Amino acid sequence: MALGDKIKEFIRDARWVISISEKPNEKEFNLVVKFLAFLAFAAGVVQFIFYIGGVYMAQYLNPGALSVYRLAPAQEAAAVISSLLVIFAILIYIAIKLG
């Protein structure tokens, strides 16, 4: 199956889920949104901790070299993708429940 067909099916399925979803009660919605916001915050904190840990580990393993405070391309890609996935999950949930 081609990528375009998979995307069309995904969009069709997402529209179907949104069309049959019920609006949550206010308490449930607020609780889930707070949890998802906490998840996004926790992902950022973990990302920052691993970045700082990587900087200190690089200084420990190679103390004589000038340390470069930069992530490797694979680490940057993983950090960006994980952050975007959390943000998109939050936005999709909110769109489905409010739609």
Protein backbone atom coordinates (compact mmCIF):
# COMPACT_ATOMS: atom_id res chain seq x y z
CA MET A 1 0.00 0.00 0.00
CA ALA A 2 1.38 3.39 -0.96
CA LEU A 3 2.19 6.03 1.63
CA GLY A 4 -0.44 8.39 0.20
CA ASP A 5 -3.13 5.73 0.61
CA LYS A 6 -2.06 5.08 4.20
CA ILE A 7 -2.26 8.79 4.98
CA LYS A 8 -5.71 9.04 3.41
CA GLU A 9 -6.92 6.06 5.45
CA PHE A 10 -5.48 7.54 8.64
CA ILE A 11 -7.22 10.87 8.01
CA ARG A 12 -10.47 9.04 7.24
CA ASP A 13 -10.20 7.02 10.46
CA ALA A 14 -9.34 10.11 12.51
CA ARG A 15 -12.39 11.94 11.13
CA TRP A 16 -14.56 8.94 11.99
CA VAL A 17 -13.24 8.81 15.57
CA ILE A 18 -13.76 12.55 15.99
CA SER A 19 -17.30 12.35 14.59
CA ILE A 20 -18.43 9.62 17.01
CA SER A 21 -16.59 10.85 20.10
CA GLU A 22 -18.55 12.21 23.01
CA LYS A 23 -17.66 15.39 24.81
CA PRO A 24 -16.21 14.54 28.22
CA ASN A 25 -17.47 15.95 31.42
CA GLU A 26 -15.54 18.97 32.65
CA LYS A 27 -13.73 17.17 35.49
CA GLU A 28 -12.45 14.35 33.27
CA PHE A 29 -11.32 16.74 30.57
CA ASN A 30 -9.43 19.00 32.98
CA LEU A 31 -7.76 16.01 34.64
CA VAL A 32 -6.57 14.56 31.33
CA VAL A 33 -5.36 17.92 30.01
CA LYS A 34 -3.40 18.50 33.23
CA PHE A 35 -1.89 15.02 32.94
CA LEU A 36 -0.91 15.60 29.31
CA ALA A 37 0.61 18.97 30.17
CA PHE A 38 2.56 17.28 32.97
CA LEU A 39 3.74 14.65 30.48
CA ALA A 40 5.01 17.36 28.14
CA PHE A 41 6.78 19.07 31.04
CA ALA A 42 8.30 15.79 32.22
CA ALA A 43 9.53 15.02 28.70
CA GLY A 44 11.26 18.40 28.60
CA VAL A 45 12.82 17.88 32.03
CA VAL A 46 14.10 14.42 31.12
CA GLN A 47 15.46 15.77 27.85
CA PHE A 48 17.29 18.55 29.73
CA ILE A 49 18.68 16.15 32.35
CA PHE A 50 20.07 13.83 29.69
CA TYR A 51 21.59 16.78 27.87
CA ILE A 52 23.35 18.04 31.01
CA GLY A 53 24.41 14.48 31.85
CA GLY A 54 25.89 14.10 28.39
CA VAL A 55 27.84 17.34 28.77
CA TYR A 56 29.30 16.29 32.13
CA MET A 57 30.04 12.79 30.88
CA ALA A 58 31.89 14.19 27.86
CA GLN A 59 33.95 16.44 30.18
CA TYR A 60 34.71 13.50 32.49
CA LEU A 61 35.75 11.14 29.70
CA ASN A 62 37.86 13.70 27.86
CA PRO A 63 38.89 16.43 30.33
CA GLY A 64 41.69 17.90 28.20
CA ALA A 65 39.57 18.62 25.16
CA LEU A 66 37.49 21.72 24.69
CA SER A 67 33.96 20.59 25.39
CA VAL A 68 31.31 21.37 22.87
CA TYR A 69 27.87 21.85 24.41
CA ARG A 70 25.96 20.37 21.57
CA LEU A 71 24.00 17.18 21.05
CA ALA A 72 24.91 14.70 18.37
CA PRO A 73 22.61 14.81 15.31
CA ALA A 74 20.94 11.52 16.28
CA GLN A 75 20.34 12.78 19.83
CA GLU A 76 18.89 16.05 18.54
CA ALA A 77 16.59 14.16 16.18
CA ALA A 78 15.40 11.83 18.95
CA ALA A 79 14.79 14.74 21.31
CA VAL A 80 12.83 16.73 18.73
CA ILE A 81 10.77 13.73 17.62
CA SER A 82 9.87 12.73 21.18
CA SER A 83 8.88 16.29 22.07
CA LEU A 84 6.78 16.64 18.92
CA LEU A 85 5.05 13.30 19.53
CA VAL A 86 4.01 14.36 23.02
CA ILE A 87 2.79 17.75 21.79
CA PHE A 88 0.85 16.21 18.88
CA ALA A 89 -0.70 13.62 21.19
CA ILE A 90 -1.93 16.41 23.44
CA LEU A 91 -3.30 18.44 20.54
CA ILE A 92 -5.00 15.43 18.96
CA TYR A 93 -6.65 14.50 22.25
CA ILE A 94 -7.89 18.03 22.81
CA ALA A 95 -9.14 18.30 19.20
CA ILE A 96 -11.00 15.00 19.49
CA LYS A 97 -12.63 15.84 22.80
CA LEU A 98 -13.61 19.37 21.84
CA GLY A 99 -14.56 18.56 18.24
